Structure formats: C-alpha cells, structure tokens
Amino acid sequence: MARLKQAKEEAEKEIAAIRAQMEAEFQRKVAESSGDSGANVKRLEQETEAKIHNLKAEAERISHDVVQMLLKHVTSVRN
C-alpha cells in the first residue's frame, strides 16, 4: 500500500510537470501569434484599400455605359 501511494504521488508530480510545460508552450504560442496581429491588421487594411480603389476605378470606367443602357431600356416603348 505504501508503494502504491508513493507511485500515485510520483505520477501526480509528473502530470503537474507536464501540465506546466504544456501551459508554458501554449502561452508562448499565444504570445507569438498575438504579436503578428498588428501586422495582419495593417496588411488587411492595405488589401482592402486596394480592392476599394479597384472597384471605384471599375465603376467609374463602366458607369457611362450603364447609364446609357438604362436610358435605352427606360425610354424604349414596346407594343
């Protein structure tokens, strides 16, 4: 019984050590990924601005044609 109790205590110590090691590794990974979040935000903002710029340029390029097409359909009479 004494040996069983001793084995149980040793196992609990090992579990605690492994748990502390895994927790430390988890905290390190969280710190690494949160450090990159500022760079990711900046990159996403730049990509978004580029897409908005492209959409505005495309809309400006085809707006005249769209207006002409709408006027044609609105002013045409069908029997």
PDB file of N, CA and C in Angstrom:
ATOM      1  N   MET A   1       0.828  -1.200   0.000  1.00  0.00           N
ATOM      2  CA  MET A   1       0.000   0.000   0.000  1.00  0.00           C
ATOM      3  C   MET A   1       0.868   1.257   0.000  1.00  0.00           C
ATOM      4  N   ALA A   2       1.976   1.191   0.738  1.00  0.00           N
ATOM      5  CA  ALA A   2       2.863   2.356   0.796  1.00  0.00           C
ATOM      6  C   ALA A   2       3.471   2.610  -0.581  1.00  0.00           C
ATOM      7  N   ARG A   3       3.862   1.543  -1.254  1.00  0.00           N
ATOM      8  CA  ARG A   3       4.448   1.692  -2.597  1.00  0.00           C
ATOM      9  C   ARG A   3       3.412   2.224  -3.588  1.00  0.00           C
ATOM     10  N   LEU A   4       2.165   1.779  -3.479  1.00  0.00           N
ATOM     11  CA  LEU A   4       1.089   2.270  -4.343  1.00  0.00           C
ATOM     12  C   LEU A   4       0.852   3.757  -4.119  1.00  0.00           C
ATOM     13  N   LYS A   5       0.873   4.174  -2.859  1.00  0.00           N
ATOM     14  CA  LYS A   5       0.691   5.587  -2.527  1.00  0.00           C
ATOM     15  C   LYS A   5       1.853   6.412  -3.078  1.00  0.00           C
ATOM     16  N   GLN A   6       3.061   5.874  -2.955  1.00  0.00           N
ATOM     17  CA  GLN A   6       4.238   6.564  -3.453  1.00  0.00           C
ATOM     18  C   GLN A   6       4.186   6.678  -4.981  1.00  0.00           C
ATOM     19  N   ALA A   7       3.760   5.627  -5.663  1.00  0.00           N
ATOM     20  CA  ALA A   7       3.655   5.642  -7.123  1.00  0.00           C
ATOM     21  C   ALA A   7       2.608   6.667  -7.569  1.00  0.00           C
ATOM     22  N   LYS A   8       1.520   6.750  -6.831  1.00  0.00           N
ATOM     23  CA  LYS A   8       0.475   7.720  -7.149  1.00  0.00           C
ATOM     24  C   LYS A   8       0.995   9.144  -7.011  1.00  0.00           C
ATOM     25  N   GLU A   9       1.739   9.421  -5.951  1.00  0.00           N
ATOM     26  CA  GLU A   9       2.294  10.753  -5.733  1.00  0.00           C
ATOM     27  C   GLU A   9       3.306  11.115  -6.823  1.00  0.00           C
ATOM     28  N   GLU A  10       4.121  10.129  -7.219  1.00  0.00           N
ATOM     29  CA  GLU A  10       5.084  10.363  -8.293  1.00  0.00           C
ATOM     30  C   GLU A  10       4.374  10.657  -9.619  1.00  0.00           C
ATOM     31  N   ALA A  11       3.317   9.925  -9.887  1.00  0.00           N
ATOM     32  CA  ALA A  11       2.550  10.148 -11.116  1.00  0.00           C
ATOM     33  C   ALA A  11       1.919  11.535 -11.110  1.00  0.00           C
ATOM     34  N   GLU A  12       1.399  11.959  -9.970  1.00  0.00           N
ATOM     35  CA  GLU A  12       0.797  13.288  -9.874  1.00  0.00           C
ATOM     36  C   GLU A  12       1.841  14.380 -10.095  1.00  0.00           C
ATOM     37  N   LYS A  13       3.056  14.171  -9.601  1.00  0.00           N
ATOM     38  CA  LYS A  13       4.136  15.139  -9.817  1.00  0.00           C
ATOM     39  C   LYS A  13       4.500  15.221 -11.302  1.00  0.00           C
ATOM     40  N   GLU A  14       4.571  14.053 -11.952  1.00  0.00           N
ATOM     41  CA  GLU A  14       4.874  14.034 -13.389  1.00  0.00           C
ATOM     42  C   GLU A  14       3.779  14.745 -14.182  1.00  0.00           C
ATOM     43  N   ILE A  15       2.548  14.478 -13.826  1.00  0.00           N
ATOM     44  CA  ILE A  15       1.412  15.117 -14.510  1.00  0.00           C
ATOM     45  C   ILE A  15       1.480  16.629 -14.337  1.00  0.00           C
ATOM     46  N   ALA A  16       1.772  17.088 -13.133  1.00  0.00           N
ATOM     47  CA  ALA A  16       1.868  18.525 -12.874  1.00  0.00           C
ATOM     48  C   ALA A  16       2.998  19.150 -13.695  1.00  0.00           C
ATOM     49  N   ALA A  17       4.130  18.440 -13.797  1.00  0.00           N
ATOM     50  CA  ALA A  17       5.264  18.969 -14.570  1.00  0.00           C
ATOM     51  C   ALA A  17       4.914  19.048 -16.058  1.00  0.00           C
ATOM     52  N   ILE A  18       4.285  18.011 -16.571  1.00  0.00           N
ATOM     53  CA  ILE A  18       3.893  18.008 -17.991  1.00  0.00           C
ATOM     54  C   ILE A  18       2.861  19.087 -18.255  1.00  0.00           C
ATOM     55  N   ARG A  19       1.908  19.232 -17.340  1.00  0.00           N
ATOM     56  CA  ARG A  19       0.874  20.263 -17.500  1.00  0.00           C
ATOM     57  C   ARG A  19       1.498  21.656 -17.514  1.00  0.00           C
ATOM     58  N   ALA A  20       2.465  21.903 -16.631  1.00  0.00           N
ATOM     59  CA  ALA A  20       3.149  23.210 -16.587  1.00  0.00           C
ATOM     60  C   ALA A  20       3.923  23.446 -17.880  1.00  0.00           C
ATOM     61  N   GLN A  21       4.578  22.393 -18.392  1.00  0.00           N
ATOM     62  CA  GLN A  21       5.331  22.517 -19.645  1.00  0.00           C
ATOM     63  C   GLN A  21       4.395  22.832 -20.810  1.00  0.00           C
ATOM     64  N   MET A  22       3.272  22.135 -20.887  1.00  0.00           N
ATOM     65  CA  MET A  22       2.309  22.374 -21.972  1.00  0.00           C
ATOM     66  C   MET A  22       1.696  23.764 -21.864  1.00  0.00           C
ATOM     67  N   GLU A  23       1.415  24.203 -20.648  1.00  0.00           N
ATOM     68  CA  GLU A  23       0.859  25.538 -20.436  1.00  0.00           C
ATOM     69  C   GLU A  23       1.846  26.607 -20.882  1.00  0.00           C
ATOM     70  N   ALA A  24       3.131  26.408 -20.547  1.00  0.00           N
ATOM     71  CA  ALA A  24       4.160  27.372 -20.945  1.00  0.00           C
ATOM     72  C   ALA A  24       4.279  27.424 -22.468  1.00  0.00           C
ATOM     73  N   GLU A  25       4.218  26.266 -23.116  1.00  0.00           N
ATOM     74  CA  GLU A  25       4.292  26.245 -24.580  1.00  0.00           C
ATOM     75  C   GLU A  25       3.071  26.917 -25.199  1.00  0.00           C
ATOM     76  N   PHE A  26       1.904  26.687 -24.620  1.00  0.00           N
ATOM     77  CA  PHE A  26       0.683  27.334 -25.105  1.00  0.00           C
ATOM     78  C   PHE A  26       0.786  28.853 -24.973  1.00  0.00           C
ATOM     79  N   GLN A  27       1.245  29.326 -23.830  1.00  0.00           N
ATOM     80  CA  GLN A  27       1.382  30.767 -23.612  1.00  0.00           C
ATOM     81  C   GLN A  27       2.389  31.373 -24.597  1.00  0.00           C
ATOM     82  N   ARG A  28       3.459  30.634 -24.899  1.00  0.00           N
ATOM     83  CA  ARG A  28       4.454  31.112 -25.866  1.00  0.00           C
ATOM     84  C   ARG A  28       3.829  31.236 -27.255  1.00  0.00           C
ATOM     85  N   LYS A  29       3.041  30.254 -27.652  1.00  0.00           N
ATOM     86  CA  LYS A  29       2.400  30.304 -28.966  1.00  0.00           C
ATOM     87  C   LYS A  29       1.382  31.440 -29.042  1.00  0.00           C
ATOM     88  N   VAL A  30       0.658  31.654 -27.962  1.00  0.00           N
ATOM     89  CA  VAL A  30      -0.306  32.757 -27.926  1.00  0.00           C
ATOM     90  C   VAL A  30       0.422  34.085 -28.061  1.00  0.00           C
ATOM     91  N   ALA A  31       1.542  34.226 -27.366  1.00  0.00           N
ATOM     92  CA  ALA A  31       2.319  35.468 -27.438  1.00  0.00           C
ATOM     93  C   ALA A  31       2.866  35.682 -28.848  1.00  0.00           C
ATOM     94  N   GLU A  32       3.315  34.617 -29.503  1.00  0.00           N
ATOM     95  CA  GLU A  32       3.835  34.741 -30.870  1.00  0.00           C
ATOM     96  C   GLU A  32       2.748  35.158 -31.839  1.00  0.00           C
ATOM     97  N   SER A  33       1.580  34.539 -31.728  1.00  0.00           N
ATOM     98  CA  SER A  33       0.516  34.849 -32.679  1.00  0.00           C
ATOM     99  C   SER A  33      -0.092  36.225 -32.439  1.00  0.00           C
ATOM    100  N   SER A  34      -0.154  36.672 -31.192  1.00  0.00           N
ATOM    101  CA  SER A  34      -0.724  37.991 -30.921  1.00  0.00           C
ATOM    102  C   SER A  34       0.228  39.091 -31.354  1.00  0.00           C
ATOM    103  N   GLY A  35       1.504  38.817 -31.394  1.00  0.00           N
ATOM    104  CA  GLY A  35       2.475  39.805 -31.857  1.00  0.00           C
ATOM    105  C   GLY A  35       2.322  40.100 -33.328  1.00  0.00           C
ATOM    106  N   ASP A  36       1.861  39.126 -34.102  1.00  0.00           N
ATOM    107  CA  ASP A  36       1.675  39.292 -35.535  1.00  0.00           C
ATOM    108  C   ASP A  36       0.344  39.945 -35.889  1.00  0.00           C
ATOM    109  N   SER A  37      -0.557  40.068 -34.930  1.00  0.00           N
ATOM    110  CA  SER A  37      -1.885  40.579 -35.245  1.00  0.00           C
ATOM    111  C   SER A  37      -1.835  42.011 -35.762  1.00  0.00           C
ATOM    112  N   GLY A  38      -0.927  42.824 -35.261  1.00  0.00           N
ATOM    113  CA  GLY A  38      -0.796  44.194 -35.759  1.00  0.00           C
ATOM    114  C   GLY A  38      -0.377  44.211 -37.208  1.00  0.00           C
ATOM    115  N   ALA A  39       0.554  43.352 -37.583  1.00  0.00           N
ATOM    116  CA  ALA A  39       1.000  43.267 -38.971  1.00  0.00           C
ATOM    117  C   ALA A  39      -0.121  42.742 -39.851  1.00  0.00           C
ATOM    118  N   ASN A  40      -0.888  41.775 -39.347  1.00  0.00           N
ATOM    119  CA  ASN A  40      -2.007  41.233 -40.122  1.00  0.00           C
ATOM    120  C   ASN A  40      -3.080  42.282 -40.360  1.00  0.00           C
ATOM    121  N   VAL A  41      -3.363  43.069 -39.340  1.00  0.00           N
ATOM    122  CA  VAL A  41      -4.369  44.127 -39.476  1.00  0.00           C
ATOM    123  C   VAL A  41      -3.928  45.139 -40.530  1.00  0.00           C
ATOM    124  N   LYS A  42      -2.667  45.533 -40.471  1.00  0.00           N
ATOM    125  CA  LYS A  42      -2.151  46.512 -41.437  1.00  0.00           C
ATOM    126  C   LYS A  42      -2.200  45.952 -42.851  1.00  0.00           C
ATOM    127  N   ARG A  43      -1.819  44.675 -43.015  1.00  0.00           N
ATOM    128  CA  ARG A  43      -1.844  44.035 -44.333  1.00  0.00           C
ATOM    129  C   ARG A  43      -3.284  43.966 -44.862  1.00  0.00           C
ATOM    130  N   LEU A  44      -4.223  43.598 -43.998  1.00  0.00           N
ATOM    131  CA  LEU A  44      -5.626  43.514 -44.413  1.00  0.00           C
ATOM    132  C   LEU A  44      -6.174  44.887 -44.784  1.00  0.00           C
ATOM    133  N   GLU A  45      -5.784  45.919 -44.044  1.00  0.00           N
ATOM    134  CA  GLU A  45      -6.233  47.269 -44.381  1.00  0.00           C
ATOM    135  C   GLU A  45      -5.702  47.693 -45.741  1.00  0.00           C
ATOM    136  N   GLN A  46      -4.445  47.371 -46.030  1.00  0.00           N
ATOM    137  CA  GLN A  46      -3.871  47.714 -47.330  1.00  0.00           C
ATOM    138  C   GLN A  46      -4.576  46.972 -48.459  1.00  0.00           C
ATOM    139  N   GLU A  47      -4.841  45.678 -48.250  1.00  0.00           N
ATOM    140  CA  GLU A  47      -5.545  44.899 -49.267  1.00  0.00           C
ATOM    141  C   GLU A  47      -6.950  45.451 -49.493  1.00  0.00           C
ATOM    142  N   THR A  48      -7.618  45.819 -48.404  1.00  0.00           N
ATOM    143  CA  THR A  48      -8.973  46.363 -48.515  1.00  0.00           C
ATOM    144  C   THR A  48      -8.970  47.678 -49.282  1.00  0.00           C
ATOM    145  N   GLU A  49      -8.029  48.549 -48.960  1.00  0.00           N
ATOM    146  CA  GLU A  49      -7.928  49.827 -49.672  1.00  0.00           C
ATOM    147  C   GLU A  49      -7.665  49.605 -51.155  1.00  0.00           C
ATOM    148  N   ALA A  50      -6.804  48.650 -51.489  1.00  0.00           N
ATOM    149  CA  ALA A  50      -6.513  48.361 -52.897  1.00  0.00           C
ATOM    150  C   ALA A  50      -7.757  47.855 -53.608  1.00  0.00           C
ATOM    151  N   LYS A  51      -8.527  46.990 -52.955  1.00  0.00           N
ATOM    152  CA  LYS A  51      -9.754  46.464 -53.568  1.00  0.00           C
ATOM    153  C   LYS A  51     -10.791  47.571 -53.757  1.00  0.00           C
ATOM    154  N   ILE A  52     -10.917  48.432 -52.767  1.00  0.00           N
ATOM    155  CA  ILE A  52     -11.864  49.557 -52.879  1.00  0.00           C
ATOM    156  C   ILE A  52     -11.462  50.460 -54.039  1.00  0.00           C
ATOM    157  N   HIS A  53     -10.180  50.736 -54.142  1.00  0.00           N
ATOM    158  CA  HIS A  53      -9.684  51.576 -55.232  1.00  0.00           C
ATOM    159  C   HIS A  53      -9.995  50.929 -56.587  1.00  0.00           C
ATOM    160  N   ASN A  54      -9.758  49.626 -56.703  1.00  0.00           N
ATOM    161  CA  ASN A  54     -10.041  48.920 -57.958  1.00  0.00           C
ATOM    162  C   ASN A  54     -11.526  48.947 -58.296  1.00  0.00           C
ATOM    163  N   LEU A  55     -12.375  48.752 -57.291  1.00  0.00           N
ATOM    164  CA  LEU A  55     -13.820  48.780 -57.523  1.00  0.00           C
ATOM    165  C   LEU A  55     -14.287  50.161 -57.972  1.00  0.00           C
ATOM    166  N   LYS A  56     -13.766  51.200 -57.329  1.00  0.00           N
ATOM    167  CA  LYS A  56     -14.149  52.553 -57.721  1.00  0.00           C
ATOM    168  C   LYS A  56     -13.693  52.864 -59.143  1.00  0.00           C
ATOM    169  N   ALA A  57     -12.486  52.439 -59.493  1.00  0.00           N
ATOM    170  CA  ALA A  57     -11.985  52.678 -60.845  1.00  0.00           C
ATOM    171  C   ALA A  57     -12.829  51.931 -61.868  1.00  0.00           C
ATOM    172  N   GLU A  58     -13.187  50.703 -61.573  1.00  0.00           N
ATOM    173  CA  GLU A  58     -14.016  49.913 -62.500  1.00  0.00           C
ATOM    174  C   GLU A  58     -15.407  50.521 -62.644  1.00  0.00           C
ATOM    175  N   ALA A  59     -15.989  50.974 -61.518  1.00  0.00           N
ATOM    176  CA  ALA A  59     -17.315  51.593 -61.564  1.00  0.00           C
ATOM    177  C   ALA A  59     -17.270  52.876 -62.392  1.00  0.00           C
ATOM    178  N   GLU A  60     -16.221  53.652 -62.223  1.00  0.00           N
ATOM    179  CA  GLU A  60     -16.078  54.884 -62.985  1.00  0.00           C
ATOM    180  C   GLU A  60     -15.919  54.587 -64.477  1.00  0.00           C
ATOM    181  N   ARG A  61     -15.215  53.507 -64.776  1.00  0.00           N
ATOM    182  CA  ARG A  61     -14.960  53.153 -66.171  1.00  0.00           C
ATOM    183  C   ARG A  61     -16.241  52.726 -66.890  1.00  0.00           C
ATOM    184  N   ILE A  62     -17.124  51.999 -66.209  1.00  0.00           N
ATOM    185  CA  ILE A  62     -18.312  51.481 -66.898  1.00  0.00           C
ATOM    186  C   ILE A  62     -19.595  52.264 -66.597  1.00  0.00           C
ATOM    187  N   SER A  63     -19.524  53.284 -65.769  1.00  0.00           N
ATOM    188  CA  SER A  63     -20.742  53.993 -65.376  1.00  0.00           C
ATOM    189  C   SER A  63     -21.442  54.633 -66.570  1.00  0.00           C
ATOM    190  N   HIS A  64     -20.707  55.195 -67.494  1.00  0.00           N
ATOM    191  CA  HIS A  64     -21.322  55.811 -68.667  1.00  0.00           C
ATOM    192  C   HIS A  64     -22.103  54.777 -69.471  1.00  0.00           C
ATOM    193  N   ASP A  65     -21.515  53.609 -69.684  1.00  0.00           N
ATOM    194  CA  ASP A  65     -22.200  52.558 -70.447  1.00  0.00           C
ATOM    195  C   ASP A  65     -23.453  52.076 -69.733  1.00  0.00           C
ATOM    196  N   VAL A  66     -23.396  51.960 -68.419  1.00  0.00           N
ATOM    197  CA  VAL A  66     -24.561  51.509 -67.652  1.00  0.00           C
ATOM    198  C   VAL A  66     -25.674  52.536 -67.741  1.00  0.00           C
ATOM    199  N   VAL A  67     -25.340  53.798 -67.617  1.00  0.00           N
ATOM    200  CA  VAL A  67     -26.349  54.860 -67.719  1.00  0.00           C
ATOM    201  C   VAL A  67     -26.995  54.842 -69.103  1.00  0.00           C
ATOM    202  N   GLN A  68     -26.196  54.701 -70.141  1.00  0.00           N
ATOM    203  CA  GLN A  68     -26.735  54.658 -71.499  1.00  0.00           C
ATOM    204  C   GLN A  68     -27.656  53.454 -71.686  1.00  0.00           C
ATOM    205  N   MET A  69     -27.273  52.306 -71.167  1.00  0.00           N
ATOM    206  CA  MET A  69     -28.099  51.108 -71.279  1.00  0.00           C
ATOM    207  C   MET A  69     -29.425  51.306 -70.546  1.00  0.00           C
ATOM    208  N   LEU A  70     -29.384  51.886 -69.340  1.00  0.00           N
ATOM    209  CA  LEU A  70     -30.612  52.123 -68.584  1.00  0.00           C
ATOM    210  C   LEU A  70     -31.516  53.118 -69.309  1.00  0.00           C
ATOM    211  N   LEU A  71     -30.944  54.193 -69.826  1.00  0.00           N
ATOM    212  CA  LEU A  71     -31.750  55.160 -70.570  1.00  0.00           C
ATOM    213  C   LEU A  71     -32.394  54.518 -71.788  1.00  0.00           C
ATOM    214  N   LYS A  72     -31.664  53.669 -72.477  1.00  0.00           N
ATOM    215  CA  LYS A  72     -32.200  52.993 -73.656  1.00  0.00           C
ATOM    216  C   LYS A  72     -33.405  52.130 -73.287  1.00  0.00           C
ATOM    217  N   HIS A  73     -33.276  51.377 -72.203  1.00  0.00           N
ATOM    218  CA  HIS A  73     -34.374  50.482 -71.801  1.00  0.00           C
ATOM    219  C   HIS A  73     -35.548  51.264 -71.222  1.00  0.00           C
ATOM    220  N   VAL A  74     -35.308  52.341 -70.546  1.00  0.00           N
ATOM    221  CA  VAL A  74     -36.371  53.111 -69.950  1.00  0.00           C
ATOM    222  C   VAL A  74     -37.152  53.886 -70.992  1.00  0.00           C
ATOM    223  N   THR A  75     -36.442  54.384 -71.989  1.00  0.00           N
ATOM    224  CA  THR A  75     -37.118  55.232 -72.986  1.00  0.00           C
ATOM    225  C   THR A  75     -37.637  54.457 -74.179  1.00  0.00           C
ATOM    226  N   SER A  76     -37.353  53.190 -74.283  1.00  0.00           N
ATOM    227  CA  SER A  76     -37.890  52.427 -75.423  1.00  0.00           C
ATOM    228  C   SER A  76     -39.319  51.962 -75.106  1.00  0.00           C
ATOM    229  N   VAL A  77     -40.136  51.943 -76.141  1.00  0.00           N
ATOM    230  CA  VAL A  77     -41.534  51.558 -75.978  1.00  0.00           C
ATOM    231  C   VAL A  77     -41.751  50.239 -76.713  1.00  0.00           C
ATOM    232  N   ARG A  78     -42.411  49.331 -76.030  1.00  0.00           N
ATOM    233  CA  ARG A  78     -42.736  48.052 -76.641  1.00  0.00           C
ATOM    234  C   ARG A  78     -44.238  47.965 -76.853  1.00  0.00           C
ATOM    235  N   ASN A  79     -44.595  47.314 -77.938  1.00  0.00           N
ATOM    236  CA  ASN A  79     -46.021  47.138 -78.238  1.00  0.00           C
ATOM    237  C   ASN A  79     -46.523  45.823 -77.756  1.00  0.00           C
TER     238      ASN A  79
END
